[in-house]
Amino acid sequence: MIALIQGANDSLNKIVDTANNASQAVTAAAPELHFIDLLFKGGWVMIPLAFLAFAGLVIFVERYLTIRKASKTESNLMLHIKQYIHEGRLDNAITLCRNNSSPLARMLEKGLKRIGRPIKDIEAAIENNGKLEVSKLEKNIGILGIIAGIAPMLGFVGTIIGVITIFHDVSIKGAIEIGTISGGLYTKMITSATGLIIGIIAYVLYHILNMMVERIILRMETDAIEFIDLLEEPGK
């Protein structure tokens, strides 16, 4: 009886050892998953996704540097303009604005050149020039918003095409193999993941640039009101 039990234990141990060895062999044979390899397995859809990512990055860097440069306005610009206007040195005020490359300086220069005309004409000139400067700052920012919307949809299209291809192969073979389906599906879903990542990043960068532009607009509006009030002071 004891010998029978011992033999059963030995058989059980051999089965466990065999299962462990098989498990280790499968684990060792499993290839490592590299992100770069997945990107290449995503198919042709990864090419337009890569183009969208590159275009979005270029637009953000260019717009960020431009807007950041435009936001660096001399803090004492309005102070000097006020001083020149009170002293009647209008030409010096215009020269000061001309030497400053900021949107605010160009907007105030337009108003200074209209001094002597009715206030409404000066306000209209400042407002029109302000709109022009804002449109220059917002140039190409909308493309980032388009990328944020297109990239996820394009990635999803890549996944759908991959799924269609997988089931087409299954229909030809006439048999459903889990390995074939799962092996092809996980590589095709990389396009959806890539599209979502690009879309999220583009969406965040789009709003960062918009917030920077809005701060400049607020400052321009504040200084424009202060400038008009300055022109109206002698008439009070």
Protein backbone atom coordinates (compact mmCIF):
# COMPACT_ATOMS: atom_id res chain seq x y z
CA MET A 1 0.00 0.00 0.00
CA ILE A 2 2.79 2.35 0.94
CA ALA A 3 4.62 1.52 -2.27
CA LEU A 4 1.51 2.29 -4.27
CA ILE A 5 1.11 5.70 -2.62
CA GLN A 6 4.79 6.49 -3.15
CA GLY A 7 4.52 5.55 -6.81
CA ALA A 8 1.49 7.83 -7.23
CA ASN A 9 3.41 10.70 -5.60
CA ASP A 10 6.37 10.17 -7.92
CA SER A 11 4.08 10.21 -10.95
CA LEU A 12 2.40 13.40 -9.72
CA ASN A 13 5.77 15.08 -9.21
CA LYS A 14 6.86 14.11 -12.71
CA ILE A 15 3.66 15.62 -14.15
CA VAL A 16 4.19 18.86 -12.22
CA ASP A 17 7.81 19.04 -13.35
CA THR A 18 6.80 18.44 -16.94
CA ALA A 19 4.17 21.19 -16.76
CA ASN A 20 6.66 23.62 -15.24
CA ASN A 21 9.25 22.85 -17.90
CA ALA A 22 6.68 23.33 -20.65
CA SER A 23 5.60 26.62 -19.13
CA GLN A 24 9.18 27.84 -18.94
CA ALA A 25 9.82 26.75 -22.52
CA VAL A 26 6.80 28.70 -23.77
CA THR A 27 7.86 31.74 -21.75
CA ALA A 28 11.40 31.54 -23.09
CA ALA A 29 10.18 31.09 -26.64
CA ALA A 30 7.84 34.09 -26.47
CA PRO A 31 9.44 36.97 -28.41
CA GLU A 32 9.99 40.31 -26.71
CA LEU A 33 7.51 43.03 -27.63
CA HIS A 34 9.26 46.19 -28.84
CA PHE A 35 7.36 49.41 -29.45
CA ILE A 36 9.30 50.20 -32.63
CA ASP A 37 8.45 46.79 -34.06
CA LEU A 38 4.77 47.39 -33.35
CA LEU A 39 4.90 50.72 -35.16
CA PHE A 40 6.22 49.02 -38.29
CA LYS A 41 3.56 46.32 -38.01
CA GLY A 42 0.81 48.93 -37.99
CA GLY A 43 0.74 49.03 -41.79
CA TRP A 44 0.54 51.87 -44.28
CA VAL A 45 -1.77 53.90 -42.01
CA MET A 46 1.24 54.65 -39.82
CA ILE A 47 2.70 56.78 -42.64
CA PRO A 48 -0.02 59.48 -42.62
CA LEU A 49 -0.11 59.28 -38.82
CA ALA A 50 3.64 59.96 -38.74
CA PHE A 51 3.13 62.88 -41.12
CA LEU A 52 0.38 64.33 -38.89
CA ALA A 53 2.61 63.99 -35.83
CA PHE A 54 5.53 65.72 -37.57
CA ALA A 55 3.33 68.50 -38.98
CA GLY A 56 1.73 69.11 -35.60
CA LEU A 57 5.11 69.32 -33.88
CA VAL A 58 6.50 71.75 -36.47
CA ILE A 59 3.41 73.98 -36.25
CA PHE A 60 3.47 74.03 -32.45
CA VAL A 61 7.17 74.93 -32.22
CA GLU A 62 6.89 77.66 -34.86
CA ARG A 63 3.73 79.18 -33.36
CA TYR A 64 5.01 78.88 -29.80
CA LEU A 65 8.20 80.79 -30.60
CA THR A 66 6.26 83.43 -32.57
CA ILE A 67 3.63 83.97 -29.87
CA ARG A 68 6.22 83.97 -27.11
CA LYS A 69 8.19 86.64 -28.96
CA ALA A 70 5.03 88.70 -29.49
CA SER A 71 4.18 88.52 -25.79
CA LYS A 72 7.49 90.09 -24.79
CA THR A 73 6.34 93.69 -24.82
CA GLU A 74 8.21 96.40 -22.95
CA SER A 75 6.37 96.96 -19.68
CA ASN A 76 6.98 100.72 -19.86
CA LEU A 77 5.80 101.13 -23.47
CA MET A 78 2.50 102.77 -22.53
CA LEU A 79 4.28 104.90 -19.93
CA HIS A 80 6.62 106.35 -22.56
CA ILE A 81 3.75 106.90 -25.00
CA LYS A 82 1.77 108.75 -22.35
CA GLN A 83 4.76 110.93 -21.60
CA TYR A 84 5.37 111.75 -25.27
CA ILE A 85 1.70 112.58 -25.88
CA HIS A 86 1.51 114.89 -22.85
CA GLU A 87 4.68 116.62 -24.04
CA GLY A 88 3.34 116.88 -27.59
CA ARG A 89 6.16 114.74 -28.98
CA LEU A 90 3.97 112.64 -31.25
CA ASP A 91 6.77 111.78 -33.66
CA ASN A 92 8.83 110.31 -30.82
CA ALA A 93 5.87 108.14 -29.75
CA ILE A 94 5.42 106.85 -33.31
CA THR A 95 9.15 106.13 -33.60
CA LEU A 96 9.07 104.26 -30.29
CA CYS A 97 6.25 102.03 -31.52
CA ARG A 98 7.93 101.52 -34.88
CA ASN A 99 11.12 100.32 -33.20
CA ASN A 100 9.13 97.82 -31.12
CA SER A 101 8.15 94.72 -33.09
CA SER A 102 5.30 93.62 -30.83
CA PRO A 103 1.65 93.47 -32.02
CA LEU A 104 0.70 95.97 -29.30
CA ALA A 105 3.25 98.52 -30.55
CA ARG A 106 2.03 98.17 -34.16
CA MET A 107 -1.56 98.61 -33.02
CA LEU A 108 -0.75 101.75 -31.00
CA GLU A 109 1.31 103.12 -33.90
CA LYS A 110 -1.76 102.92 -36.09
CA GLY A 111 -3.71 104.88 -33.50
CA LEU A 112 -0.98 107.49 -33.05
CA LYS A 113 -0.96 108.17 -36.81
CA ARG A 114 -4.71 108.90 -36.63
CA ILE A 115 -4.42 111.50 -33.86
CA GLY A 116 -6.25 114.66 -34.94
CA ARG A 117 -9.17 112.73 -36.39
CA PRO A 118 -12.39 111.89 -34.53
CA ILE A 119 -12.04 109.40 -31.68
CA LYS A 120 -14.29 106.91 -33.48
CA ASP A 121 -11.90 106.86 -36.46
CA ILE A 122 -8.97 106.20 -34.12
CA GLU A 123 -10.90 103.44 -32.34
CA ALA A 124 -11.80 101.84 -35.68
CA ALA A 125 -8.17 101.97 -36.86
CA ILE A 126 -6.93 100.39 -33.62
CA GLU A 127 -9.63 97.72 -33.69
CA ASN A 128 -8.96 96.77 -37.32
CA ASN A 129 -5.21 96.62 -36.77
CA GLY A 130 -5.74 94.58 -33.60
CA LYS A 131 -7.82 92.03 -35.51
CA LEU A 132 -5.09 91.80 -38.14
CA GLU A 133 -2.41 91.22 -35.51
CA VAL A 134 -4.51 88.55 -33.78
CA SER A 135 -5.11 86.75 -37.08
CA LYS A 136 -1.34 86.67 -37.61
CA LEU A 137 -0.84 85.12 -34.19
CA GLU A 138 -3.55 82.52 -34.78
CA LYS A 139 -2.13 81.49 -38.15
CA ASN A 140 -2.01 77.68 -38.55
CA ILE A 141 -3.17 77.06 -34.97
CA GLY A 142 -6.43 75.67 -36.36
CA ILE A 143 -4.43 72.94 -38.13
CA LEU A 144 -3.52 71.52 -34.73
CA GLY A 145 -7.23 71.26 -33.96
CA ILE A 146 -7.76 69.43 -37.26
CA ILE A 147 -4.93 67.01 -36.44
CA ALA A 148 -6.46 66.39 -33.01
CA GLY A 149 -9.68 65.30 -34.72
CA ILE A 150 -8.30 63.43 -37.72
CA ALA A 151 -5.53 61.35 -36.08
CA PRO A 152 -7.78 59.18 -33.86
CA MET A 153 -10.21 58.53 -36.72
CA LEU A 154 -7.38 57.65 -39.09
CA GLY A 155 -5.94 55.25 -36.52
CA PHE A 156 -9.34 53.62 -36.12
CA VAL A 157 -9.58 53.19 -39.89
CA GLY A 158 -6.25 51.36 -39.81
CA THR A 159 -7.57 48.98 -37.16
CA ILE A 160 -10.78 48.32 -39.11
CA ILE A 161 -8.78 47.56 -42.25
CA GLY A 162 -6.65 45.15 -40.24
CA VAL A 163 -9.71 43.39 -38.83
CA ILE A 164 -11.20 43.05 -42.31
CA THR A 165 -7.94 41.52 -43.53
CA ILE A 166 -7.87 39.05 -40.63
CA PHE A 167 -11.39 37.80 -41.25
CA HIS A 168 -10.71 37.61 -44.97
CA ASP A 169 -7.80 35.28 -44.23
CA VAL A 170 -10.04 33.23 -41.92
CA SER A 171 -12.67 32.89 -44.64
CA ILE A 172 -10.05 31.63 -47.08
CA LYS A 173 -8.67 29.06 -44.64
CA GLY A 174 -12.16 27.97 -43.64
CA ALA A 175 -11.15 27.62 -40.00
CA ILE A 176 -11.00 29.98 -37.06
CA GLU A 177 -7.64 29.94 -35.33
CA ILE A 178 -7.36 31.99 -32.15
CA GLY A 179 -3.65 32.49 -32.70
CA THR A 180 -4.20 33.97 -36.14
CA ILE A 181 -6.94 36.32 -34.98
CA SER A 182 -5.27 37.52 -31.78
CA GLY A 183 -1.82 37.71 -33.36
CA GLY A 184 -3.04 39.91 -36.21
CA LEU A 185 -5.44 41.99 -34.14
CA TYR A 186 -2.99 43.23 -31.52
CA THR A 187 -0.63 44.52 -34.18
CA LYS A 188 -3.40 46.30 -36.06
CA MET A 189 -4.73 47.99 -32.92
CA ILE A 190 -1.44 49.88 -32.66
CA THR A 191 -2.81 52.29 -35.27
CA SER A 192 -5.73 53.20 -32.99
CA ALA A 193 -3.41 53.67 -30.02
CA THR A 194 -1.02 55.81 -32.09
CA GLY A 195 -3.86 57.91 -33.49
CA LEU A 196 -5.28 58.52 -30.02
CA ILE A 197 -1.88 59.51 -28.61
CA ILE A 198 -1.25 61.96 -31.48
CA GLY A 199 -4.78 63.36 -31.17
CA ILE A 200 -4.52 63.92 -27.41
CA ILE A 201 -1.12 65.62 -27.69
CA ALA A 202 -2.32 67.83 -30.58
CA TYR A 203 -5.44 68.75 -28.60
CA VAL A 204 -3.38 69.82 -25.58
CA LEU A 205 -0.89 71.81 -27.71
CA TYR A 206 -3.78 73.48 -29.56
CA HIS A 207 -5.26 74.80 -26.32
CA ILE A 208 -1.86 75.86 -24.98
CA LEU A 209 -1.36 78.12 -28.01
CA ASN A 210 -4.91 79.44 -27.76
CA MET A 211 -4.39 80.39 -24.12
CA MET A 212 -1.18 82.21 -25.01
CA VAL A 213 -2.97 84.17 -27.75
CA GLU A 214 -5.86 85.01 -25.43
CA ARG A 215 -3.46 86.53 -22.91
CA ILE A 216 -1.97 88.75 -25.63
CA ILE A 217 -5.47 89.76 -26.79
CA LEU A 218 -6.44 90.72 -23.24
CA ARG A 219 -3.34 92.87 -22.89
CA MET A 220 -3.92 94.53 -26.27
CA GLU A 221 -7.54 95.33 -25.39
CA THR A 222 -6.52 96.75 -22.01
CA ASP A 223 -3.82 98.99 -23.50
CA ALA A 224 -6.12 100.06 -26.36
CA ILE A 225 -8.75 101.24 -23.86
CA GLU A 226 -6.06 103.03 -21.87
CA PHE A 227 -4.79 104.69 -25.06
CA ILE A 228 -8.27 105.94 -26.06
CA ASP A 229 -8.84 107.26 -22.54
CA LEU A 230 -5.52 109.07 -22.80
CA LEU A 231 -6.61 110.81 -26.01
CA GLU A 232 -9.90 111.85 -24.45
CA GLU A 233 -8.30 113.41 -21.38
CA PRO A 234 -7.63 116.88 -22.88
CA GLY A 235 -11.26 117.10 -24.01
CA LYS A 236 -12.66 116.48 -20.54
